[in-house]
N, C-alpha and C. Protein backbone atom coordinates (compact mmCIF):
# COMPACT_ATOMS: atom_id res chain seq x y z
N MET A 1 49.26 118.02 79.77
CA MET A 1 49.29 116.75 80.49
C MET A 1 48.11 116.73 81.46
N SER A 2 47.35 115.65 81.44
CA SER A 2 46.17 115.57 82.30
C SER A 2 46.56 115.29 83.74
N LYS A 3 45.66 115.67 84.63
CA LYS A 3 45.89 115.45 86.05
C LYS A 3 45.92 113.96 86.39
N GLN A 4 45.08 113.16 85.71
CA GLN A 4 45.03 111.72 85.95
C GLN A 4 46.35 111.06 85.55
N PHE A 5 46.87 111.46 84.40
CA PHE A 5 48.14 110.91 83.94
C PHE A 5 49.26 111.26 84.92
N LEU A 6 49.27 112.50 85.37
CA LEU A 6 50.29 112.94 86.32
C LEU A 6 50.21 112.15 87.62
N MET A 7 48.99 111.92 88.13
CA MET A 7 48.81 111.16 89.37
C MET A 7 49.26 109.70 89.17
N LEU A 8 48.93 109.11 88.02
CA LEU A 8 49.35 107.75 87.73
C LEU A 8 50.87 107.66 87.65
N PHE A 9 51.49 108.60 86.98
CA PHE A 9 52.95 108.63 86.86
C PHE A 9 53.61 108.73 88.23
N LEU A 10 53.12 109.65 89.06
CA LEU A 10 53.70 109.82 90.40
C LEU A 10 53.51 108.58 91.25
N SER A 11 52.36 107.92 91.15
CA SER A 11 52.10 106.70 91.92
C SER A 11 53.07 105.59 91.52
N VAL A 12 53.27 105.41 90.22
CA VAL A 12 54.19 104.38 89.74
C VAL A 12 55.62 104.71 90.15
N ALA A 13 56.01 105.98 90.04
CA ALA A 13 57.36 106.38 90.42
C ALA A 13 57.62 106.13 91.90
N MET A 14 56.65 106.44 92.74
CA MET A 14 56.82 106.21 94.18
C MET A 14 56.90 104.72 94.49
N ALA A 15 56.10 103.91 93.81
CA ALA A 15 56.14 102.46 94.03
C ALA A 15 57.49 101.89 93.62
N LEU A 16 58.02 102.33 92.49
CA LEU A 16 59.32 101.84 92.03
C LEU A 16 60.44 102.30 92.96
N THR A 17 60.34 103.51 93.49
CA THR A 17 61.35 104.02 94.41
C THR A 17 61.40 103.18 95.68
N ALA A 18 60.24 102.73 96.15
CA ALA A 18 60.20 101.91 97.36
C ALA A 18 60.75 100.51 97.10
N VAL A 19 60.57 99.98 95.89
CA VAL A 19 61.01 98.63 95.57
C VAL A 19 62.49 98.57 95.20
N ALA A 20 63.04 99.63 94.62
CA ALA A 20 64.42 99.63 94.13
C ALA A 20 65.44 99.24 95.20
N PRO A 21 65.39 99.81 96.43
CA PRO A 21 66.38 99.42 97.44
C PRO A 21 66.28 97.94 97.81
N LEU A 22 65.07 97.39 97.84
CA LEU A 22 64.91 95.97 98.15
C LEU A 22 65.51 95.12 97.05
N TRP A 23 65.33 95.51 95.80
CA TRP A 23 65.89 94.78 94.68
C TRP A 23 67.41 94.81 94.74
N ALA A 24 67.98 95.97 95.06
CA ALA A 24 69.44 96.10 95.14
C ALA A 24 70.00 95.22 96.25
N GLN A 25 69.33 95.16 97.40
CA GLN A 25 69.81 94.33 98.49
C GLN A 25 69.72 92.86 98.13
N ALA A 26 68.65 92.46 97.45
CA ALA A 26 68.48 91.07 97.09
C ALA A 26 69.52 90.62 96.07
N ASN A 27 70.01 91.55 95.23
CA ASN A 27 70.97 91.21 94.20
C ASN A 27 72.41 91.31 94.65
N LYS A 28 72.67 91.79 95.85
CA LYS A 28 74.05 91.89 96.33
C LYS A 28 74.52 90.49 96.71
N ARG A 29 75.47 89.99 95.96
CA ARG A 29 75.98 88.64 96.18
C ARG A 29 77.24 88.71 97.04
N ALA A 30 77.50 87.62 97.74
CA ALA A 30 78.72 87.53 98.54
C ALA A 30 79.92 87.58 97.62
N ILE A 31 81.02 88.18 98.10
CA ILE A 31 82.22 88.29 97.25
C ILE A 31 83.05 87.03 97.28
N TYR A 32 82.76 86.12 98.18
CA TYR A 32 83.54 84.90 98.27
C TYR A 32 82.68 83.70 97.88
N PRO A 33 83.32 82.61 97.45
CA PRO A 33 82.57 81.46 96.96
C PRO A 33 81.91 80.65 98.08
N LYS A 34 80.97 79.83 97.67
CA LYS A 34 80.30 78.94 98.60
C LYS A 34 81.35 78.02 99.22
N GLY A 35 81.26 77.82 100.52
CA GLY A 35 82.23 76.98 101.21
C GLY A 35 83.35 77.75 101.88
N PHE A 36 83.50 79.04 101.56
CA PHE A 36 84.55 79.85 102.18
C PHE A 36 84.21 80.07 103.65
N GLU A 37 85.19 79.84 104.52
CA GLU A 37 85.01 80.08 105.94
C GLU A 37 85.97 81.16 106.38
N ALA A 38 85.42 82.33 106.66
CA ALA A 38 86.25 83.46 107.09
C ALA A 38 86.65 83.27 108.55
N THR A 39 87.96 83.36 108.82
CA THR A 39 88.43 83.26 110.19
C THR A 39 88.70 84.64 110.77
N THR A 40 89.02 85.61 109.91
CA THR A 40 89.31 86.97 110.33
C THR A 40 88.81 87.93 109.26
N ASP A 41 88.30 89.06 109.69
CA ASP A 41 87.96 90.09 108.70
C ASP A 41 88.34 91.46 109.25
N TRP A 42 88.67 92.35 108.33
CA TRP A 42 89.02 93.72 108.66
C TRP A 42 88.13 94.65 107.85
N GLN A 43 87.64 95.70 108.52
CA GLN A 43 86.81 96.71 107.87
C GLN A 43 87.53 98.05 107.98
N TYR A 44 87.80 98.68 106.85
CA TYR A 44 88.50 99.96 106.81
C TYR A 44 87.60 101.02 106.18
N SER A 45 87.85 102.27 106.54
CA SER A 45 87.11 103.37 105.93
C SER A 45 88.00 104.58 105.75
N CYS A 46 87.61 105.41 104.82
CA CYS A 46 88.29 106.67 104.53
C CYS A 46 87.24 107.54 103.82
N PRO A 47 86.49 108.35 104.57
CA PRO A 47 85.32 109.04 104.01
C PRO A 47 85.54 109.80 102.70
N ASP A 48 86.64 110.52 102.57
CA ASP A 48 86.83 111.29 101.32
C ASP A 48 87.71 110.57 100.30
N GLY A 49 88.34 109.47 100.70
CA GLY A 49 89.16 108.68 99.78
C GLY A 49 90.51 109.28 99.44
N LYS A 50 90.80 110.48 99.93
CA LYS A 50 92.08 111.13 99.60
C LYS A 50 93.23 110.47 100.35
N GLY A 51 94.22 110.04 99.61
CA GLY A 51 95.41 109.43 100.21
C GLY A 51 95.17 108.03 100.74
N CYS A 52 94.06 107.40 100.39
CA CYS A 52 93.72 106.08 100.90
C CYS A 52 93.77 105.06 99.76
N SER A 53 94.53 103.98 99.99
CA SER A 53 94.68 102.96 98.96
C SER A 53 95.00 101.63 99.61
N PHE A 54 94.95 100.59 98.79
CA PHE A 54 95.38 99.28 99.25
C PHE A 54 95.97 98.51 98.07
N ASN A 55 96.80 97.53 98.40
CA ASN A 55 97.41 96.68 97.39
C ASN A 55 97.55 95.28 97.96
N CYS A 56 97.03 94.31 97.24
CA CYS A 56 97.20 92.91 97.60
C CYS A 56 98.04 92.28 96.50
N PRO A 57 99.36 92.12 96.73
CA PRO A 57 100.26 91.62 95.69
C PRO A 57 99.75 90.34 95.03
N GLY A 58 99.78 90.34 93.71
CA GLY A 58 99.31 89.19 92.95
C GLY A 58 97.81 89.16 92.76
N SER A 59 97.10 90.09 93.39
CA SER A 59 95.64 90.09 93.32
C SER A 59 95.09 91.41 92.82
N GLY A 60 95.61 92.52 93.30
CA GLY A 60 95.14 93.83 92.85
C GLY A 60 95.11 94.85 93.96
N GLY A 61 94.53 95.97 93.66
CA GLY A 61 94.43 97.06 94.61
C GLY A 61 93.71 98.23 93.98
N ALA A 62 93.64 99.34 94.72
CA ALA A 62 92.96 100.53 94.21
C ALA A 62 93.43 101.77 94.96
N ASN A 63 93.23 102.92 94.33
CA ASN A 63 93.50 104.22 94.93
C ASN A 63 92.19 104.94 95.23
N ASN A 64 92.26 105.99 96.03
CA ASN A 64 91.08 106.79 96.39
C ASN A 64 89.97 105.93 96.97
N VAL A 65 90.33 104.99 97.83
CA VAL A 65 89.38 104.04 98.40
C VAL A 65 88.63 104.68 99.56
N THR A 66 87.31 104.49 99.59
CA THR A 66 86.49 105.03 100.67
C THR A 66 86.07 103.95 101.68
N LYS A 67 85.99 102.70 101.23
CA LYS A 67 85.61 101.60 102.11
C LYS A 67 86.27 100.32 101.62
N LEU A 68 86.77 99.51 102.56
CA LEU A 68 87.46 98.26 102.21
C LEU A 68 87.12 97.19 103.24
N SER A 69 86.76 96.01 102.76
CA SER A 69 86.52 94.84 103.61
C SER A 69 87.46 93.75 103.14
N ILE A 70 88.22 93.16 104.06
CA ILE A 70 89.15 92.07 103.75
C ILE A 70 88.78 90.87 104.61
N PHE A 71 88.67 89.70 103.97
CA PHE A 71 88.32 88.46 104.66
C PHE A 71 89.43 87.44 104.44
N LEU A 72 89.94 86.88 105.53
CA LEU A 72 90.97 85.85 105.47
C LEU A 72 90.35 84.56 105.98
N GLY A 73 90.58 83.47 105.27
CA GLY A 73 90.01 82.19 105.70
C GLY A 73 90.43 81.06 104.81
N SER A 74 89.56 80.03 104.72
CA SER A 74 89.88 78.87 103.89
C SER A 74 88.69 78.54 102.99
N VAL A 75 89.02 77.95 101.85
CA VAL A 75 88.00 77.60 100.86
C VAL A 75 88.37 76.24 100.27
N PRO A 76 87.38 75.35 100.08
CA PRO A 76 87.68 74.06 99.47
C PRO A 76 87.90 74.21 97.96
N ILE A 77 89.04 73.72 97.48
CA ILE A 77 89.35 73.72 96.05
C ILE A 77 89.85 72.33 95.68
N GLY A 78 89.12 71.68 94.83
CA GLY A 78 89.51 70.32 94.44
C GLY A 78 89.55 69.38 95.63
N LYS A 79 90.64 68.63 95.75
CA LYS A 79 90.79 67.68 96.85
C LYS A 79 91.27 68.35 98.14
N ASN A 80 91.72 69.60 98.05
CA ASN A 80 92.20 70.32 99.22
C ASN A 80 91.02 71.05 99.88
N ALA A 81 90.62 70.57 101.04
CA ALA A 81 89.45 71.14 101.73
C ALA A 81 89.74 72.47 102.42
N ASN A 82 91.00 72.80 102.65
CA ASN A 82 91.35 74.00 103.40
C ASN A 82 92.40 74.85 102.70
N THR A 83 92.11 75.31 101.51
CA THR A 83 93.02 76.18 100.79
C THR A 83 92.90 77.59 101.38
N ALA A 84 94.03 78.18 101.79
CA ALA A 84 94.00 79.53 102.36
C ALA A 84 93.62 80.54 101.29
N GLY A 85 92.78 81.49 101.67
CA GLY A 85 92.34 82.50 100.72
C GLY A 85 92.10 83.84 101.38
N ILE A 86 92.27 84.87 100.59
CA ILE A 86 91.96 86.23 101.03
C ILE A 86 91.03 86.84 99.97
N PHE A 87 89.92 87.37 100.42
CA PHE A 87 88.93 87.99 99.54
C PHE A 87 88.72 89.42 100.01
N TYR A 88 88.55 90.33 99.07
CA TYR A 88 88.34 91.73 99.45
C TYR A 88 87.27 92.37 98.57
N GLU A 89 86.65 93.38 99.14
CA GLU A 89 85.65 94.18 98.44
C GLU A 89 85.90 95.64 98.80
N PHE A 90 85.75 96.54 97.84
CA PHE A 90 86.03 97.94 98.11
C PHE A 90 85.13 98.85 97.29
N THR A 91 85.05 100.09 97.75
CA THR A 91 84.46 101.16 96.96
C THR A 91 85.49 102.28 96.94
N SER A 92 85.47 103.06 95.87
CA SER A 92 86.38 104.19 95.76
C SER A 92 85.63 105.35 95.13
N THR A 93 86.32 106.47 95.00
CA THR A 93 85.68 107.63 94.38
C THR A 93 85.41 107.38 92.91
N GLN A 94 86.06 106.38 92.29
CA GLN A 94 85.84 106.07 90.88
C GLN A 94 85.06 104.76 90.67
N THR A 95 85.03 103.87 91.66
CA THR A 95 84.42 102.55 91.51
C THR A 95 83.34 102.35 92.57
N LEU A 96 82.12 102.02 92.14
CA LEU A 96 81.05 101.78 93.10
C LEU A 96 81.26 100.50 93.88
N ARG A 97 81.74 99.45 93.21
CA ARG A 97 82.00 98.19 93.91
C ARG A 97 83.04 97.40 93.13
N GLY A 98 84.10 97.06 93.83
CA GLY A 98 85.15 96.23 93.23
C GLY A 98 85.49 95.12 94.20
N SER A 99 86.02 94.03 93.69
CA SER A 99 86.40 92.92 94.56
C SER A 99 87.51 92.10 93.92
N GLY A 100 88.13 91.26 94.72
CA GLY A 100 89.20 90.40 94.22
C GLY A 100 89.54 89.36 95.25
N PHE A 101 90.47 88.49 94.89
CA PHE A 101 90.85 87.42 95.79
C PHE A 101 92.23 86.88 95.43
N ALA A 102 92.79 86.13 96.34
CA ALA A 102 94.02 85.38 96.11
C ALA A 102 93.93 84.12 96.97
N VAL A 103 94.38 83.01 96.44
CA VAL A 103 94.42 81.76 97.20
C VAL A 103 95.83 81.18 97.09
N THR A 104 96.19 80.36 98.06
CA THR A 104 97.51 79.74 98.06
C THR A 104 97.42 78.34 98.63
N THR A 105 98.27 77.48 98.16
CA THR A 105 98.32 76.11 98.69
C THR A 105 99.38 75.98 99.78
N GLY A 106 99.91 77.09 100.22
CA GLY A 106 100.90 77.07 101.28
C GLY A 106 102.27 77.53 100.83
N ILE A 107 102.50 77.60 99.54
CA ILE A 107 103.80 78.03 99.02
C ILE A 107 103.88 79.56 98.97
N GLY A 108 102.78 80.19 98.61
CA GLY A 108 102.76 81.65 98.46
C GLY A 108 102.42 82.36 99.75
N THR A 109 102.38 83.67 99.67
CA THR A 109 102.05 84.51 100.82
C THR A 109 100.77 85.28 100.52
N LEU A 110 99.91 85.37 101.50
CA LEU A 110 98.70 86.18 101.38
C LEU A 110 98.90 87.44 102.20
N ALA A 111 98.86 88.59 101.56
CA ALA A 111 99.08 89.85 102.27
C ALA A 111 98.42 90.98 101.52
N CYS A 112 98.05 92.01 102.24
CA CYS A 112 97.54 93.24 101.65
C CYS A 112 98.13 94.41 102.42
N GLN A 113 98.50 95.46 101.70
CA GLN A 113 98.97 96.68 102.33
C GLN A 113 97.86 97.72 102.23
N VAL A 114 97.57 98.38 103.35
CA VAL A 114 96.52 99.39 103.41
C VAL A 114 97.17 100.70 103.85
N GLN A 115 96.95 101.76 103.07
CA GLN A 115 97.56 103.06 103.37
C GLN A 115 96.48 104.12 103.61
N GLY A 116 96.61 104.86 104.71
CA GLY A 116 95.77 106.02 104.98
C GLY A 116 94.36 105.74 105.46
N MET A 117 93.98 104.51 105.62
CA MET A 117 92.62 104.18 106.00
C MET A 117 92.52 103.90 107.50
N THR A 118 91.32 104.05 108.05
CA THR A 118 91.05 103.79 109.47
C THR A 118 90.46 102.40 109.62
N LEU A 119 91.02 101.63 110.55
CA LEU A 119 90.46 100.32 110.87
C LEU A 119 89.25 100.54 111.75
N ASP A 120 88.08 100.14 111.26
CA ASP A 120 86.82 100.38 112.01
C ASP A 120 86.59 99.31 113.07
């Protein structure tokens, strides 16, 4: 392998390494839809994920969770401008990024149970 090729390869690799984090940040989309107004949010953490989980009935949950963000607020759906909604995003030892939501027109209940995690 020539020295010129090696230098070119290293230069390109370093340039791509510097650009990759910017690309990842630009592609991270919000977990909630346009128009959602969060009134309350909770941030939880559990560094090793052992014994840490959450469950949002009717919406989902996960085990071995290392980070969890929950947003409670309202979102316009159809003619109803203030539909209550809960949106969440999490990471776990098995999942790099997961998310979910539940909405209600007032008949249902919005709730999530969090076990073993620290409220940050």
